[in-house]
Amino acid sequence: MPVSQEQADWFADAVAQLIANLDQAILGKHDVIKLVVTSMLTGGHVLLEDVPGTGKTVLAKSLANSIEGTQSRIQFTPDLLPSDVTGVTIYDQSSGSFQFHPGPVFASVVLADEINRASPKTQSALLEVMEEGVVTVDGTPHPVGSPFMVIATQNPVEQAGTYSLPEAQLDRFLIKTSLGYPDRQTTVNLLLDSQNRTRSDAVKPIIQASVIASMIQLAAEVHADAAVMSYLSDIVERTRQDSDASLGVSIRGALALARAAKVWALTDRRSYVTPDDIQELAVPVLAHRIILDPEAEFTGVTAANIVERALAAVAPPTTRVS
């Protein structure tokens, strides 16, 4: 069923209110906040990679606080076990049966703090639930419900005692982004308010989890013309052909960009996707899925460069197909 203009306006207004709510805690980072909200409204997950003290955890907690749903925080450490994340089945002597005790991953918004500090075995505990929304323990599937979002943080400079995320796990994050340092005026404002140590606590719930689930369903109905999807496909194919890439963007990555573009369109009060939506989201959605050739990486080439070259090489459509 096509999305009406009234529905598009309602969606855009709800997103604007959500972003404004988050702006109270994260000053001067409107664009990053919009990307994180976009990921949530596609049913996707976010990886925040940045140096310490830039507000990664505050952003994740603020988003969780904005939703009238459940939230949890998992501090990833080298001794964390998979069952500490997913939950465990325990024998109940009183009932004479095994009972499942859900872990912290059973929440609307899950903050996986410093995810690269846990062992690969523990990191892999998130693979199934991030892709399918289900945790399987002792052969029994346990749905986590909707909405469900993992916001993971990692520090790119402290590498001692960390484990790099495998490509399969990176591919499950819809968006990878960073906050960066605030500008001068924002820094001054933060310093003037230095006594406030809990900025995320000031963010109050403004939207119900059930409404987020409805918004995810509505975004899926946004029209994507065949010409625009062919454009997206050509961009993805170009990343695979780039001589500086050992591995280009996967099909999962292409699907992620298509879904994100639909949300991006609705936030602009449109019921259809344009090539501009694809271009604006290409780097944050696709770049982290590309594996660079070691020689290219040594010369300073980045995954973002490869995506930008693909955008420059593929001409956007000028006519409509369907």
C-alpha atoms as a PDB file:
ATOM      1  CA  MET A   1       0.000   0.000   0.000  1.00  0.00           C
ATOM      2  CA  PRO A   2       1.508   3.364  -1.030  1.00  0.00           C
ATOM      3  CA  VAL A   3       2.542   5.775   1.704  1.00  0.00           C
ATOM      4  CA  SER A   4       0.281   8.837   1.805  1.00  0.00           C
ATOM      5  CA  GLN A   5       1.533  12.386   2.220  1.00  0.00           C
ATOM      6  CA  GLU A   6      -0.222  12.545   5.586  1.00  0.00           C
ATOM      7  CA  GLN A   7       1.710   9.478   6.760  1.00  0.00           C
ATOM      8  CA  ALA A   8       4.981  10.924   5.464  1.00  0.00           C
ATOM      9  CA  ASP A   9       4.352  14.176   7.366  1.00  0.00           C
ATOM     10  CA  TRP A  10       3.539  12.275  10.572  1.00  0.00           C
ATOM     11  CA  PHE A  11       6.715  10.214  10.218  1.00  0.00           C
ATOM     12  CA  ALA A  12       8.900  13.271   9.577  1.00  0.00           C
ATOM     13  CA  ASP A  13       7.409  15.142  12.547  1.00  0.00           C
ATOM     14  CA  ALA A  14       8.012  12.175  14.862  1.00  0.00           C
ATOM     15  CA  VAL A  15      11.644  11.895  13.719  1.00  0.00           C
ATOM     16  CA  ALA A  16      12.188  15.634  14.177  1.00  0.00           C
ATOM     17  CA  GLN A  17      10.868  15.438  17.759  1.00  0.00           C
ATOM     18  CA  LEU A  18      13.075  12.434  18.502  1.00  0.00           C
ATOM     19  CA  ILE A  19      16.183  14.160  17.152  1.00  0.00           C
ATOM     20  CA  ALA A  20      15.368  17.349  19.084  1.00  0.00           C
ATOM     21  CA  ASN A  21      15.046  15.263  22.247  1.00  0.00           C
ATOM     22  CA  LEU A  22      18.493  13.739  21.688  1.00  0.00           C
ATOM     23  CA  ASP A  23      19.981  17.157  20.920  1.00  0.00           C
ATOM     24  CA  GLN A  24      19.541  17.991  24.616  1.00  0.00           C
ATOM     25  CA  ALA A  25      22.268  15.507  25.554  1.00  0.00           C
ATOM     26  CA  ILE A  26      24.478  15.491  22.461  1.00  0.00           C
ATOM     27  CA  LEU A  27      25.181  19.085  21.476  1.00  0.00           C
ATOM     28  CA  GLY A  28      26.187  20.057  17.937  1.00  0.00           C
ATOM     29  CA  LYS A  29      25.914  16.555  16.411  1.00  0.00           C
ATOM     30  CA  HIS A  30      22.592  16.763  14.592  1.00  0.00           C
ATOM     31  CA  ASP A  31      23.784  14.846  11.510  1.00  0.00           C
ATOM     32  CA  VAL A  32      25.158  11.906  13.507  1.00  0.00           C
ATOM     33  CA  ILE A  33      21.987  11.729  15.595  1.00  0.00           C
ATOM     34  CA  LYS A  34      19.903  11.610  12.416  1.00  0.00           C
ATOM     35  CA  LEU A  35      21.981   8.669  11.144  1.00  0.00           C
ATOM     36  CA  VAL A  36      21.506   6.759  14.407  1.00  0.00           C
ATOM     37  CA  VAL A  37      17.747   7.389  14.388  1.00  0.00           C
ATOM     38  CA  THR A  38      17.595   6.318  10.741  1.00  0.00           C
ATOM     39  CA  SER A  39      19.259   3.044  11.653  1.00  0.00           C
ATOM     40  CA  MET A  40      16.747   2.405  14.412  1.00  0.00           C
ATOM     41  CA  LEU A  41      13.832   3.047  12.059  1.00  0.00           C
ATOM     42  CA  THR A  42      15.108   0.448   9.605  1.00  0.00           C
ATOM     43  CA  GLY A  43      15.387  -2.143  12.365  1.00  0.00           C
ATOM     44  CA  GLY A  44      19.171  -1.904  12.001  1.00  0.00           C
ATOM     45  CA  HIS A  45      22.129  -1.554  14.356  1.00  0.00           C
ATOM     46  CA  VAL A  46      24.834   1.083  14.821  1.00  0.00           C
ATOM     47  CA  LEU A  47      28.559   0.886  15.476  1.00  0.00           C
ATOM     48  CA  LEU A  48      29.988   4.039  17.049  1.00  0.00           C
ATOM     49  CA  GLU A  49      33.761   4.151  16.703  1.00  0.00           C
ATOM     50  CA  ASP A  50      35.533   7.108  18.201  1.00  0.00           C
ATOM     51  CA  VAL A  51      38.213   8.204  20.631  1.00  0.00           C
ATOM     52  CA  PRO A  52      37.373   8.227  24.356  1.00  0.00           C
ATOM     53  CA  GLY A  53      35.265  10.983  25.838  1.00  0.00           C
ATOM     54  CA  THR A  54      33.296  12.081  22.756  1.00  0.00           C
ATOM     55  CA  GLY A  55      29.848  11.001  23.993  1.00  0.00           C
ATOM     56  CA  LYS A  56      29.349   7.553  22.426  1.00  0.00           C
ATOM     57  CA  THR A  57      27.775   6.058  25.525  1.00  0.00           C
ATOM     58  CA  VAL A  58      25.756   9.205  26.230  1.00  0.00           C
ATOM     59  CA  LEU A  59      24.230   9.046  22.741  1.00  0.00           C
ATOM     60  CA  ALA A  60      23.311   5.379  23.124  1.00  0.00           C
ATOM     61  CA  LYS A  61      21.772   5.902  26.568  1.00  0.00           C
ATOM     62  CA  SER A  62      19.910   9.011  25.402  1.00  0.00           C
ATOM     63  CA  LEU A  63      18.324   7.126  22.514  1.00  0.00           C
ATOM     64  CA  ALA A  64      17.283   4.343  24.864  1.00  0.00           C
ATOM     65  CA  ASN A  65      15.823   6.906  27.280  1.00  0.00           C
ATOM     66  CA  SER A  66      13.789   8.497  24.464  1.00  0.00           C
ATOM     67  CA  ILE A  67      11.857   5.292  23.895  1.00  0.00           C
ATOM     68  CA  GLU A  68       9.230   3.948  26.286  1.00  0.00           C
ATOM     69  CA  GLY A  69      10.691   0.488  25.919  1.00  0.00           C
ATOM     70  CA  THR A  70      13.273  -1.593  27.700  1.00  0.00           C
ATOM     71  CA  GLN A  71      16.983  -0.920  27.662  1.00  0.00           C
ATOM     72  CA  SER A  72      20.126  -2.658  28.835  1.00  0.00           C
ATOM     73  CA  ARG A  73      23.847  -2.087  28.892  1.00  0.00           C
ATOM     74  CA  ILE A  74      26.487  -4.776  28.471  1.00  0.00           C
ATOM     75  CA  GLN A  75      30.037  -3.829  29.389  1.00  0.00           C
ATOM     76  CA  PHE A  76      32.148  -6.054  27.168  1.00  0.00           C
ATOM     77  CA  THR A  77      35.279  -7.383  28.867  1.00  0.00           C
ATOM     78  CA  PRO A  78      37.696 -10.227  28.037  1.00  0.00           C
ATOM     79  CA  ASP A  79      36.084 -12.538  30.624  1.00  0.00           C
ATOM     80  CA  LEU A  80      32.499 -12.003  29.390  1.00  0.00           C
ATOM     81  CA  LEU A  81      30.829 -15.266  28.319  1.00  0.00           C
ATOM     82  CA  PRO A  82      28.234 -15.744  25.543  1.00  0.00           C
ATOM     83  CA  SER A  83      25.639 -16.794  28.135  1.00  0.00           C
ATOM     84  CA  ASP A  84      26.222 -13.473  29.930  1.00  0.00           C
ATOM     85  CA  VAL A  85      24.801 -11.834  26.810  1.00  0.00           C
ATOM     86  CA  THR A  86      22.095 -14.181  25.570  1.00  0.00           C
ATOM     87  CA  GLY A  87      20.922 -15.851  28.767  1.00  0.00           C
ATOM     88  CA  VAL A  88      21.076 -19.389  30.108  1.00  0.00           C
ATOM     89  CA  THR A  89      18.853 -22.388  30.732  1.00  0.00           C
ATOM     90  CA  ILE A  90      18.815 -23.486  34.408  1.00  0.00           C
ATOM     91  CA  TYR A  91      17.210 -26.547  35.955  1.00  0.00           C
ATOM     92  CA  ASP A  92      14.406 -25.617  38.359  1.00  0.00           C
ATOM     93  CA  GLN A  93      14.131 -28.272  41.063  1.00  0.00           C
ATOM     94  CA  SER A  94      10.708 -27.087  42.229  1.00  0.00           C
ATOM     95  CA  SER A  95       9.119 -27.597  38.809  1.00  0.00           C
ATOM     96  CA  GLY A  96      11.389 -30.396  37.659  1.00  0.00           C
ATOM     97  CA  SER A  97      12.075 -28.641  34.358  1.00  0.00           C
ATOM     98  CA  PHE A  98      14.611 -26.388  32.700  1.00  0.00           C
ATOM     99  CA  GLN A  99      13.805 -22.679  32.713  1.00  0.00           C
ATOM    100  CA  PHE A 100      15.279 -20.069  30.383  1.00  0.00           C
ATOM    101  CA  HIS A 101      16.631 -16.952  32.078  1.00  0.00           C
ATOM    102  CA  PRO A 102      16.984 -14.218  29.420  1.00  0.00           C
ATOM    103  CA  GLY A 103      20.163 -12.194  29.262  1.00  0.00           C
ATOM    104  CA  PRO A 104      20.544  -8.422  28.777  1.00  0.00           C
ATOM    105  CA  VAL A 105      20.214  -8.760  25.007  1.00  0.00           C
ATOM    106  CA  PHE A 106      16.450  -9.021  25.543  1.00  0.00           C
ATOM    107  CA  ALA A 107      15.698  -5.289  25.399  1.00  0.00           C
ATOM    108  CA  SER A 108      14.445  -2.692  22.922  1.00  0.00           C
ATOM    109  CA  VAL A 109      17.804  -0.901  22.899  1.00  0.00           C
ATOM    110  CA  VAL A 110      20.974  -2.759  23.848  1.00  0.00           C
ATOM    111  CA  LEU A 111      24.180  -0.811  24.472  1.00  0.00           C
ATOM    112  CA  ALA A 112      27.190  -3.032  23.784  1.00  0.00           C
ATOM    113  CA  ASP A 113      29.890  -0.884  25.327  1.00  0.00           C
ATOM    114  CA  GLU A 114      33.475  -1.423  24.099  1.00  0.00           C
ATOM    115  CA  ILE A 115      32.380  -4.438  22.092  1.00  0.00           C
ATOM    116  CA  ASN A 116      35.889  -5.161  20.792  1.00  0.00           C
ATOM    117  CA  ARG A 117      37.165  -5.919  24.305  1.00  0.00           C
ATOM    118  CA  ALA A 118      35.288  -9.243  24.423  1.00  0.00           C
ATOM    119  CA  SER A 119      36.588 -12.451  22.882  1.00  0.00           C
ATOM    120  CA  PRO A 120      35.447 -13.485  19.380  1.00  0.00           C
ATOM    121  CA  LYS A 121      33.373 -16.270  20.953  1.00  0.00           C
ATOM    122  CA  THR A 122      31.394 -13.755  22.995  1.00  0.00           C
ATOM    123  CA  GLN A 123      31.105 -11.327  20.079  1.00  0.00           C
ATOM    124  CA  SER A 124      29.613 -14.143  18.007  1.00  0.00           C
ATOM    125  CA  ALA A 125      26.762 -14.432  20.518  1.00  0.00           C
ATOM    126  CA  LEU A 126      25.302 -11.325  18.862  1.00  0.00           C
ATOM    127  CA  LEU A 127      25.453 -12.609  15.278  1.00  0.00           C
ATOM    128  CA  GLU A 128      22.142 -14.473  15.238  1.00  0.00           C
ATOM    129  CA  VAL A 129      20.118 -11.965  17.228  1.00  0.00           C
ATOM    130  CA  MET A 130      21.378  -8.962  15.203  1.00  0.00           C
ATOM    131  CA  GLU A 131      20.350 -10.624  11.950  1.00  0.00           C
ATOM    132  CA  GLU A 132      17.190 -12.520  12.878  1.00  0.00           C
ATOM    133  CA  GLY A 133      15.974 -11.025  16.161  1.00  0.00           C
ATOM    134  CA  VAL A 134      16.100 -14.452  17.784  1.00  0.00           C
ATOM    135  CA  VAL A 135      18.352 -16.057  20.400  1.00  0.00           C
ATOM    136  CA  THR A 136      18.712 -19.840  20.245  1.00  0.00           C
ATOM    137  CA  VAL A 137      19.694 -21.485  23.532  1.00  0.00           C
ATOM    138  CA  ASP A 138      19.835 -25.279  23.857  1.00  0.00           C
ATOM    139  CA  GLY A 139      18.046 -25.600  20.530  1.00  0.00           C
ATOM    140  CA  THR A 140      15.095 -23.415  21.523  1.00  0.00           C
ATOM    141  CA  PRO A 141      14.562 -20.068  19.726  1.00  0.00           C
ATOM    142  CA  HIS A 142      13.620 -17.049  21.843  1.00  0.00           C
ATOM    143  CA  PRO A 143      12.467 -13.904  19.940  1.00  0.00           C
ATOM    144  CA  VAL A 144      13.700 -10.615  21.393  1.00  0.00           C
ATOM    145  CA  GLY A 145      10.719  -8.660  20.063  1.00  0.00           C
ATOM    146  CA  SER A 146      10.412  -5.437  18.089  1.00  0.00           C
ATOM    147  CA  PRO A 147      11.843  -2.866  18.083  1.00  0.00           C
ATOM    148  CA  PHE A 148      15.299  -4.249  18.748  1.00  0.00           C
ATOM    149  CA  MET A 149      18.508  -2.319  18.251  1.00  0.00           C
ATOM    150  CA  VAL A 150      22.130  -2.867  19.205  1.00  0.00           C
ATOM    151  CA  ILE A 151      24.290   0.226  19.626  1.00  0.00           C
ATOM    152  CA  ALA A 152      27.897  -0.886  19.950  1.00  0.00           C
ATOM    153  CA  THR A 153      30.837   1.338  20.802  1.00  0.00           C
ATOM    154  CA  GLN A 154      34.522   0.774  20.303  1.00  0.00           C
ATOM    155  CA  ASN A 155      37.705   2.762  20.719  1.00  0.00           C
ATOM    156  CA  PRO A 156      39.984   2.829  17.637  1.00  0.00           C
ATOM    157  CA  VAL A 157      43.141   3.905  19.472  1.00  0.00           C
ATOM    158  CA  GLU A 158      43.368   1.584  22.489  1.00  0.00           C
ATOM    159  CA  GLN A 159      44.194  -1.717  20.797  1.00  0.00           C
ATOM    160  CA  ALA A 160      45.832  -3.523  23.743  1.00  0.00           C
ATOM    161  CA  GLY A 161      43.564  -6.308  24.952  1.00  0.00           C
ATOM    162  CA  THR A 162      41.033  -5.884  22.135  1.00  0.00           C
ATOM    163  CA  TYR A 163      39.726  -8.196  19.420  1.00  0.00           C
ATOM    164  CA  SER A 164      38.878  -6.769  15.997  1.00  0.00           C
ATOM    165  CA  LEU A 165      35.310  -7.361  14.905  1.00  0.00           C
ATOM    166  CA  PRO A 166      35.141 -10.018  12.166  1.00  0.00           C
ATOM    167  CA  GLU A 167      33.825  -9.015   8.744  1.00  0.00           C
ATOM    168  CA  ALA A 168      30.628 -11.035   9.267  1.00  0.00           C
ATOM    169  CA  GLN A 169      29.804  -9.016  12.363  1.00  0.00           C
ATOM    170  CA  LEU A 170      30.688  -5.637  10.835  1.00  0.00           C
ATOM    171  CA  ASP A 171      28.314  -6.496   7.991  1.00  0.00           C
ATOM    172  CA  ARG A 172      25.444  -6.750  10.476  1.00  0.00           C
ATOM    173  CA  PHE A 173      25.737  -3.121  11.518  1.00  0.00           C
ATOM    174  CA  LEU A 174      23.590  -0.974   9.265  1.00  0.00           C
ATOM    175  CA  ILE A 175      25.660   2.140   9.940  1.00  0.00           C
ATOM    176  CA  LYS A 176      29.121   2.839  11.280  1.00  0.00           C
ATOM    177  CA  THR A 177      29.748   6.421  12.292  1.00  0.00           C
ATOM    178  CA  SER A 178      31.595   8.574  14.810  1.00  0.00           C
ATOM    179  CA  LEU A 179      30.804  11.684  16.815  1.00  0.00           C
ATOM    180  CA  GLY A 180      34.169  13.425  16.703  1.00  0.00           C
ATOM    181  CA  TYR A 181      35.092  16.385  18.843  1.00  0.00           C
ATOM    182  CA  PRO A 182      32.572  19.231  19.197  1.00  0.00           C
ATOM    183  CA  ASP A 183      33.212  22.633  17.673  1.00  0.00           C
ATOM    184  CA  ARG A 184      34.541  25.518  19.770  1.00  0.00           C
ATOM    185  CA  GLN A 185      31.192  27.041  20.743  1.00  0.00           C
ATOM    186  CA  THR A 186      29.720  23.664  21.683  1.00  0.00           C
ATOM    187  CA  THR A 187      32.814  22.918  23.771  1.00  0.00           C
ATOM    188  CA  VAL A 188      32.389  26.229  25.616  1.00  0.00           C
ATOM    189  CA  ASN A 189      28.711  25.438  26.296  1.00  0.00           C
ATOM    190  CA  LEU A 190      29.657  22.019  27.667  1.00  0.00           C
ATOM    191  CA  LEU A 191      32.307  23.544  29.917  1.00  0.00           C
ATOM    192  CA  LEU A 192      29.838  26.090  31.259  1.00  0.00           C
ATOM    193  CA  ASP A 193      27.567  23.170  32.154  1.00  0.00           C
ATOM    194  CA  SER A 194      30.406  21.016  33.492  1.00  0.00           C
ATOM    195  CA  GLN A 195      28.578  20.253  36.747  1.00  0.00           C
ATOM    196  CA  ASN A 196      26.068  18.195  34.737  1.00  0.00           C
ATOM    197  CA  ARG A 197      27.544  14.682  34.733  1.00  0.00           C
ATOM    198  CA  THR A 198      24.388  12.869  33.623  1.00  0.00           C
ATOM    199  CA  ARG A 199      23.252  14.607  30.464  1.00  0.00           C
ATOM    200  CA  SER A 200      21.519  11.464  29.178  1.00  0.00           C
ATOM    201  CA  ASP A 201      19.298  11.354  32.290  1.00  0.00           C
ATOM    202  CA  ALA A 202      17.715  14.638  31.200  1.00  0.00           C
ATOM    203  CA  VAL A 203      16.371  12.921  28.091  1.00  0.00           C
ATOM    204  CA  LYS A 204      12.822  11.784  28.800  1.00  0.00           C
ATOM    205  CA  PRO A 205      10.728   9.202  26.915  1.00  0.00           C
ATOM    206  CA  ILE A 206       8.727  10.828  24.141  1.00  0.00           C
ATOM    207  CA  ILE A 207       7.759   7.891  21.942  1.00  0.00           C
ATOM    208  CA  GLN A 208       6.485   4.404  22.667  1.00  0.00           C
ATOM    209  CA  ALA A 209       8.297   1.304  21.461  1.00  0.00           C
ATOM    210  CA  SER A 210       5.118   0.179  19.683  1.00  0.00           C
ATOM    211  CA  VAL A 211       5.134   3.419  17.664  1.00  0.00           C
ATOM    212  CA  ILE A 212       8.741   2.782  16.624  1.00  0.00           C
ATOM    213  CA  ALA A 213       7.657  -0.663  15.406  1.00  0.00           C
ATOM    214  CA  SER A 214       4.858   0.967  13.371  1.00  0.00           C
ATOM    215  CA  MET A 215       7.300   3.479  11.881  1.00  0.00           C
ATOM    216  CA  ILE A 216       9.610   0.643  10.822  1.00  0.00           C
ATOM    217  CA  GLN A 217       6.699  -1.025   9.039  1.00  0.00           C
ATOM    218  CA  LEU A 218       5.649   2.242   7.371  1.00  0.00           C
ATOM    219  CA  ALA A 219       9.182   2.926   6.083  1.00  0.00           C
ATOM    220  CA  ALA A 220       9.199  -0.474   4.393  1.00  0.00           C
ATOM    221  CA  GLU A 221       6.267   0.681   2.223  1.00  0.00           C
ATOM    222  CA  VAL A 222       8.122   3.650   0.700  1.00  0.00           C
ATOM    223  CA  HIS A 223       8.346   3.396  -3.082  1.00  0.00           C
ATOM    224  CA  ALA A 224      11.729   2.634  -4.623  1.00  0.00           C
ATOM    225  CA  ASP A 225      11.823   2.938  -8.392  1.00  0.00           C
ATOM    226  CA  ALA A 226      13.626   0.245 -10.373  1.00  0.00           C
ATOM    227  CA  ALA A 227      15.928   2.880 -11.896  1.00  0.00           C
ATOM    228  CA  VAL A 228      17.058   4.020  -8.434  1.00  0.00           C
ATOM    229  CA  MET A 229      17.607   0.437  -7.266  1.00  0.00           C
ATOM    230  CA  SER A 230      19.626  -0.261 -10.433  1.00  0.00           C
ATOM    231  CA  TYR A 231      21.713   2.783  -9.560  1.00  0.00           C
ATOM    232  CA  LEU A 232      22.309   1.392  -6.073  1.00  0.00           C
ATOM    233  CA  SER A 233      23.222  -2.008  -7.523  1.00  0.00           C
ATOM    234  CA  ASP A 234      25.757  -0.452  -9.893  1.00  0.00           C
ATOM    235  CA  ILE A 235      27.404   1.429  -7.017  1.00  0.00           C
ATOM    236  CA  VAL A 236      27.743  -1.772  -5.004  1.00  0.00           C
ATOM    237  CA  GLU A 237      29.135  -3.639  -8.000  1.00  0.00           C
ATOM    238  CA  ARG A 238      31.678  -0.877  -8.573  1.00  0.00           C
ATOM    239  CA  THR A 239      33.036  -1.318  -5.022  1.00  0.00           C
ATOM    240  CA  ARG A 240      33.654  -4.999  -5.799  1.00  0.00           C
ATOM    241  CA  GLN A 241      35.563  -4.113  -8.973  1.00  0.00           C
ATOM    242  CA  ASP A 242      37.795  -1.492  -7.344  1.00  0.00           C
ATOM    243  CA  SER A 243      41.438  -2.586  -7.487  1.00  0.00           C
ATOM    244  CA  ASP A 244      42.045  -1.255  -3.960  1.00  0.00           C
ATOM    245  CA  ALA A 245      39.347  -3.475  -2.438  1.00  0.00           C
ATOM    246  CA  SER A 246      39.952  -7.087  -1.445  1.00  0.00           C
ATOM    247  CA  LEU A 247      36.240  -7.444  -0.731  1.00  0.00           C
ATOM    248  CA  GLY A 248      33.446  -5.158  -1.877  1.00  0.00           C
ATOM    249  CA  VAL A 249      29.994  -4.533  -0.489  1.00  0.00           C
ATOM    250  CA  SER A 250      27.813  -7.592   0.123  1.00  0.00           C
ATOM    251  CA  ILE A 251      24.186  -8.113  -0.821  1.00  0.00           C
ATOM    252  CA  ARG A 252      23.337  -7.518   2.832  1.00  0.00           C
ATOM    253  CA  GLY A 253      24.995  -4.127   2.504  1.00  0.00           C
ATOM    254  CA  ALA A 254      22.993  -3.270  -0.617  1.00  0.00           C
ATOM    255  CA  LEU A 255      19.743  -4.239   1.129  1.00  0.00           C
ATOM    256  CA  ALA A 256      20.738  -2.148   4.144  1.00  0.00           C
ATOM    257  CA  LEU A 257      21.251   0.921   1.976  1.00  0.00           C
ATOM    258  CA  ALA A 258      17.901   0.394   0.246  1.00  0.00           C
ATOM    259  CA  ARG A 259      16.110   0.218   3.603  1.00  0.00           C
ATOM    260  CA  ALA A 260      17.958   3.212   5.028  1.00  0.00           C
ATOM    261  CA  ALA A 261      17.168   5.276   1.916  1.00  0.00           C
ATOM    262  CA  LYS A 262      13.454   4.652   2.452  1.00  0.00           C
ATOM    263  CA  VAL A 263      13.653   6.030   5.988  1.00  0.00           C
ATOM    264  CA  TRP A 264      15.754   8.960   4.748  1.00  0.00           C
ATOM    265  CA  ALA A 265      13.066   9.762   2.173  1.00  0.00           C
ATOM    266  CA  LEU A 266      10.294   9.785   4.779  1.00  0.00           C
ATOM    267  CA  THR A 267      12.262  12.110   7.050  1.00  0.00           C
ATOM    268  CA  ASP A 268      12.210  14.508   4.078  1.00  0.00           C
ATOM    269  CA  ARG A 269       8.412  14.061   3.808  1.00  0.00           C
ATOM    270  CA  ARG A 270       8.683  12.019   0.600  1.00  0.00           C
ATOM    271  CA  SER A 271       7.026   8.674  -0.129  1.00  0.00           C
ATOM    272  CA  TYR A 272       9.658   7.704  -2.710  1.00  0.00           C
ATOM    273  CA  VAL A 273      13.431   7.214  -2.820  1.00  0.00           C
ATOM    274  CA  THR A 274      15.677   9.461  -4.920  1.00  0.00           C
ATOM    275  CA  PRO A 275      19.310   9.062  -6.032  1.00  0.00           C
ATOM    276  CA  ASP A 276      20.200  11.807  -3.531  1.00  0.00           C
ATOM    277  CA  ASP A 277      19.082   9.525  -0.685  1.00  0.00           C
ATOM    278  CA  ILE A 278      21.446   6.834  -1.935  1.00  0.00           C
ATOM    279  CA  GLN A 279      24.349   9.272  -2.273  1.00  0.00           C
ATOM    280  CA  GLU A 280      23.918  10.825   1.181  1.00  0.00           C
ATOM    281  CA  LEU A 281      23.840   7.451   2.947  1.00  0.00           C
ATOM    282  CA  ALA A 282      26.352   5.511   0.851  1.00  0.00           C
ATOM    283  CA  VAL A 283      29.470   6.133   2.950  1.00  0.00           C
ATOM    284  CA  PRO A 284      28.029   5.512   6.463  1.00  0.00           C
ATOM    285  CA  VAL A 285      26.121   2.418   5.289  1.00  0.00           C
ATOM    286  CA  LEU A 286      28.640   0.843   2.902  1.00  0.00           C
ATOM    287  CA  ALA A 287      32.200   1.844   3.844  1.00  0.00           C
ATOM    288  CA  HIS A 288      32.632  -0.398   6.902  1.00  0.00           C
ATOM    289  CA  ARG A 289      31.713  -3.459   4.820  1.00  0.00           C
ATOM    290  CA  ILE A 290      34.689  -3.055   2.472  1.00  0.00           C
ATOM    291  CA  ILE A 291      37.994  -4.830   3.088  1.00  0.00           C
ATOM    292  CA  LEU A 292      40.950  -2.904   1.722  1.00  0.00           C
ATOM    293  CA  ASP A 293      43.870  -4.399  -0.130  1.00  0.00           C
ATOM    294  CA  PRO A 294      46.841  -4.235   2.314  1.00  0.00           C
ATOM    295  CA  GLU A 295      49.005  -2.270  -0.128  1.00  0.00           C
ATOM    296  CA  ALA A 296      46.226   0.236  -0.749  1.00  0.00           C
ATOM    297  CA  GLU A 297      45.696   0.662   2.983  1.00  0.00           C
ATOM    298  CA  PHE A 298      49.412   1.254   3.437  1.00  0.00           C
ATOM    299  CA  THR A 299      49.311   4.100   0.898  1.00  0.00           C
ATOM    300  CA  GLY A 300      46.467   5.812   2.773  1.00  0.00           C
ATOM    301  CA  VAL A 301      43.428   4.672   0.797  1.00  0.00           C
ATOM    302  CA  THR A 302      40.282   4.343   2.931  1.00  0.00           C
ATOM    303  CA  ALA A 303      37.067   2.418   2.463  1.00  0.00           C
ATOM    304  CA  ALA A 304      35.235   5.740   2.242  1.00  0.00           C
ATOM    305  CA  ASN A 305      37.465   6.658  -0.728  1.00  0.00           C
ATOM    306  CA  ILE A 306      36.310   3.517  -2.544  1.00  0.00           C
ATOM    307  CA  VAL A 307      32.638   4.347  -1.959  1.00  0.00           C
ATOM    308  CA  GLU A 308      33.206   7.929  -3.113  1.00  0.00           C
ATOM    309  CA  ARG A 309      34.928   6.686  -6.274  1.00  0.00           C
ATOM    310  CA  ALA A 310      31.975   4.402  -6.970  1.00  0.00           C
ATOM    311  CA  LEU A 311      29.569   7.326  -6.573  1.00  0.00           C
ATOM    312  CA  ALA A 312      31.648   9.412  -8.964  1.00  0.00           C
ATOM    313  CA  ALA A 313      31.866   6.618 -11.546  1.00  0.00           C
ATOM    314  CA  VAL A 314      28.174   5.666 -11.649  1.00  0.00           C
ATOM    315  CA  ALA A 315      25.808   8.210 -13.174  1.00  0.00           C
ATOM    316  CA  PRO A 316      22.465   8.628 -11.380  1.00  0.00           C
ATOM    317  CA  PRO A 317      19.330   7.801 -13.370  1.00  0.00           C
ATOM    318  CA  THR A 318      17.567  10.561 -15.224  1.00  0.00           C
ATOM    319  CA  THR A 319      14.466   8.633 -16.285  1.00  0.00           C
ATOM    320  CA  ARG A 320      11.986   6.549 -14.369  1.00  0.00           C
ATOM    321  CA  VAL A 321      11.594   2.832 -15.055  1.00  0.00           C
ATOM    322  CA  SER A 322       8.614   1.913 -12.900  1.00  0.00           C
END
